[in-house]
C-alpha cells in the first residue's frame, strides 16, 4: 500500500470529516451512532423510532447523479480555498473526506462550507428544493500522525461501500 506523509502540522490541520444525509443514521440506529462531540451511542430501537418521529422531512438519499454533483462541489470549494483533499467518498447516505487546511480553520467551518457548496449545487440542479439534504452537524477527527493519516486514507477510499449505488467516488489530490 502507498504510504503518504502527513502534511506539516505546524502549517496545516488535517481532518477526517464525516456527515450524513438528513434522516439517516439517526441516534439509536442499529449500526450505532456518533453523538456530536464523538461519543458513541449504542443501538436503541426506541431512541431511533423517537428520533424518526421528530423528523420534519423525508429521509434524504443521494442518487448516482446527485453523488457526482456533491463530489464536484466539494472538490471545487476545496480548490477555491486552496484546501487539500486527499480522499473523498460520497455515498448514498453519507460523505467521508480526508482534508488538510491551514492551521486556525476549524472543522466546523470547513464542513459547513463544503455542505453549503454541495447543497447549492444540488439546488441548482433541481434537487432538494424544499427539504434538507444534510443532518445539522457532522463529525470530525483530528489526524495528527502519519500512521493515522494512512489509516484514514485507506478507510475512506477502500472501506466505504454502498450497495445501493455504483462504485464510490474517491479521489487523491
Protein backbone atom coordinates (compact mmCIF):
# COMPACT_ATOMS: atom_id res chain seq x y z
CA UNK A 1 0.00 0.00 0.00
CA UNK A 2 1.15 3.51 -0.82
CA UNK A 3 2.39 5.37 2.29
CA UNK A 4 1.61 9.06 2.42
CA UNK A 5 3.17 11.68 4.65
CA UNK A 6 1.04 13.79 6.95
CA UNK A 7 1.05 17.44 5.84
CA UNK A 8 3.21 19.67 8.08
CA UNK A 9 1.16 20.03 11.30
CA UNK A 10 2.78 23.42 12.01
CA UNK A 11 1.16 24.77 8.85
CA UNK A 12 -1.88 22.55 8.27
CA UNK A 13 -4.62 20.89 10.26
CA UNK A 14 -5.78 17.61 8.81
CA UNK A 15 -9.31 16.37 9.45
CA UNK A 16 -11.34 13.28 8.74
CA UNK A 17 -14.80 14.76 8.21
CA UNK A 18 -17.96 12.66 8.15
CA UNK A 19 -21.53 13.83 7.65
CA UNK A 20 -24.81 12.14 6.84
CA UNK A 21 -27.89 12.85 4.77
CA UNK A 22 -30.97 14.11 6.58
CA UNK A 23 -32.93 11.42 8.41
CA UNK A 24 -30.30 8.72 8.01
CA UNK A 25 -28.17 7.15 10.70
CA UNK A 26 -30.29 8.53 13.49
CA UNK A 27 -29.29 8.26 17.16
CA UNK A 28 -30.06 4.72 18.27
CA UNK A 29 -29.56 3.26 14.77
CA UNK A 30 -28.88 -0.48 14.58
CA UNK A 31 -25.32 0.36 13.47
CA UNK A 32 -24.88 2.59 16.50
CA UNK A 33 -24.27 6.28 16.03
CA UNK A 34 -21.92 9.05 16.98
CA UNK A 35 -23.19 11.96 19.05
CA UNK A 36 -21.86 15.45 18.31
CA UNK A 37 -18.50 15.55 20.06
CA UNK A 38 -17.64 11.96 19.23
CA UNK A 39 -19.50 9.99 21.91
CA UNK A 40 -20.73 6.59 20.67
CA UNK A 41 -24.44 5.83 21.14
CA UNK A 42 -25.37 2.16 21.40
CA UNK A 43 -28.14 0.79 19.16
CA UNK A 44 -31.54 1.55 20.70
CA UNK A 45 -34.67 0.94 18.63
CA UNK A 46 -36.87 3.10 20.88
CA UNK A 47 -34.48 6.04 20.56
CA UNK A 48 -34.22 5.62 16.81
CA UNK A 49 -38.02 5.45 16.49
CA UNK A 50 -38.41 8.58 18.62
CA UNK A 51 -35.83 10.45 16.53
CA UNK A 52 -37.50 9.35 13.29
CA UNK A 53 -40.85 10.69 14.54
CA UNK A 54 -39.19 14.05 15.19
CA UNK A 55 -38.01 14.36 11.57
CA UNK A 56 -39.97 17.06 9.77
CA UNK A 57 -38.96 15.97 6.26
CA UNK A 58 -38.48 12.78 4.32
CA UNK A 59 -35.20 10.95 4.61
CA UNK A 60 -32.65 12.21 2.07
CA UNK A 61 -30.67 9.87 -0.14
CA UNK A 62 -28.26 10.63 -2.97
CA UNK A 63 -28.62 9.05 -6.41
CA UNK A 64 -25.53 8.47 -8.54
CA UNK A 65 -26.19 11.79 -10.32
CA UNK A 66 -26.51 13.64 -7.00
CA UNK A 67 -23.38 11.95 -5.66
CA UNK A 68 -21.41 13.26 -8.63
CA UNK A 69 -22.78 16.78 -8.05
CA UNK A 70 -21.77 16.63 -4.37
CA UNK A 71 -18.34 15.24 -5.27
CA UNK A 72 -17.68 18.01 -7.81
CA UNK A 73 -18.95 20.73 -5.45
CA UNK A 74 -16.68 19.58 -2.62
CA UNK A 75 -13.65 19.48 -4.92
CA UNK A 76 -14.44 22.92 -6.36
CA UNK A 77 -15.00 24.51 -2.93
CA UNK A 78 -11.77 22.97 -1.62
CA UNK A 79 -9.82 24.22 -4.62
CA UNK A 80 -11.33 27.71 -4.20
CA UNK A 81 -9.95 27.83 -0.62
CA UNK A 82 -6.67 26.06 -1.51
CA UNK A 83 -7.56 23.18 0.80
CA UNK A 84 -6.03 19.79 0.01
CA UNK A 85 -8.44 16.88 -0.36
CA UNK A 86 -6.61 13.57 -0.04
CA UNK A 87 -9.58 11.24 -0.08
CA UNK A 88 -13.27 11.82 -0.70
CA UNK A 89 -16.08 9.30 -0.82
CA UNK A 90 -19.66 10.36 -1.46
CA UNK A 91 -22.12 7.56 -0.78
CA UNK A 92 -25.90 7.47 -0.96
CA UNK A 93 -26.36 8.38 2.73
CA UNK A 94 -23.08 9.90 3.90
CA UNK A 95 -19.80 11.56 2.96
CA UNK A 96 -16.23 10.98 4.17
CA UNK A 97 -13.41 13.47 3.49
CA UNK A 98 -9.73 13.48 4.42
CA UNK A 99 -8.69 17.11 4.07
CA UNK A 100 -5.90 19.48 5.16
CA UNK A 101 -6.49 23.19 5.72
CA UNK A 102 -4.29 26.00 7.05
CA UNK A 103 -3.92 25.98 10.84
CA UNK A 104 -6.66 28.00 12.51
CA UNK A 105 -9.57 26.92 10.33
CA UNK A 106 -12.00 24.84 12.36
CA UNK A 107 -13.50 21.54 11.26
CA UNK A 108 -16.96 23.07 11.66
CA UNK A 109 -16.06 25.91 9.31
CA UNK A 110 -14.68 23.51 6.69
CA UNK A 111 -17.63 21.13 6.96
CA UNK A 112 -20.13 23.99 6.83
CA UNK A 113 -18.61 25.43 3.67
CA UNK A 114 -18.43 22.04 1.96
CA UNK A 115 -22.01 21.13 2.87
CA UNK A 116 -23.25 24.57 1.76
CA UNK A 117 -21.46 24.30 -1.60
CA UNK A 118 -22.85 20.81 -2.18
CA UNK A 119 -26.37 21.92 -1.22
CA UNK A 120 -26.18 24.96 -3.50
CA UNK A 121 -25.16 22.79 -6.48
CA UNK A 122 -27.86 20.22 -5.72
CA UNK A 123 -30.45 23.04 -5.61
CA UNK A 124 -29.10 24.45 -8.88
CA UNK A 125 -29.65 21.02 -10.44
CA UNK A 126 -33.22 20.92 -9.13
CA UNK A 127 -32.75 18.56 -6.18
CA UNK A 128 -33.91 19.04 -2.57
CA UNK A 129 -35.58 22.38 -3.26
CA UNK A 130 -37.94 22.11 -0.28
CA UNK A 131 -36.19 19.73 2.08
CA UNK A 132 -32.85 19.47 3.82
CA UNK A 133 -30.05 17.39 2.37
CA UNK A 134 -27.78 17.00 5.41
CA UNK A 135 -28.03 16.44 9.12
CA UNK A 136 -27.41 19.62 11.08
CA UNK A 137 -23.91 18.72 12.12
CA UNK A 138 -21.34 16.10 11.32
CA UNK A 139 -18.31 14.60 12.97
CA UNK A 140 -14.62 15.11 12.65
CA UNK A 141 -11.43 13.59 13.88
CA UNK A 142 -8.08 15.34 14.01
CA UNK A 143 -5.44 13.47 12.04
CA UNK A 144 -2.16 14.04 13.87
CA UNK A 145 0.15 11.19 12.84
CA UNK A 146 1.32 9.77 9.54
CA UNK A 147 0.13 6.32 10.63
CA UNK A 148 -3.40 7.59 11.32
CA UNK A 149 -3.35 9.66 8.10
CA UNK A 150 -2.68 6.50 6.13
CA UNK A 151 -5.34 4.54 8.05
CA UNK A 152 -7.98 7.19 7.33
CA UNK A 153 -6.89 7.45 3.70
CA UNK A 154 -7.31 3.70 3.27
CA UNK A 155 -10.61 3.69 5.20
CA UNK A 156 -12.16 6.47 3.11
CA UNK A 157 -11.06 5.04 -0.23
CA UNK A 158 -11.31 1.30 0.38
CA UNK A 159 -13.58 0.52 3.33
CA UNK A 160 -16.66 2.55 2.48
CA UNK A 161 -19.03 0.82 0.09
CA UNK A 162 -22.60 1.45 -0.83
CA UNK A 163 -24.78 -1.41 -2.02
CA UNK A 164 -27.40 0.97 -3.43
CA UNK A 165 -25.16 2.77 -5.91
CA UNK A 166 -22.34 2.12 -8.33
CA UNK A 167 -18.70 2.25 -7.28
CA UNK A 168 -17.96 5.01 -4.77
CA UNK A 169 -16.45 8.33 -5.76
CA UNK A 170 -12.94 8.61 -4.44
CA UNK A 171 -10.04 10.89 -5.20
CA UNK A 172 -6.45 11.57 -4.31
CA UNK A 173 -5.25 15.11 -4.96
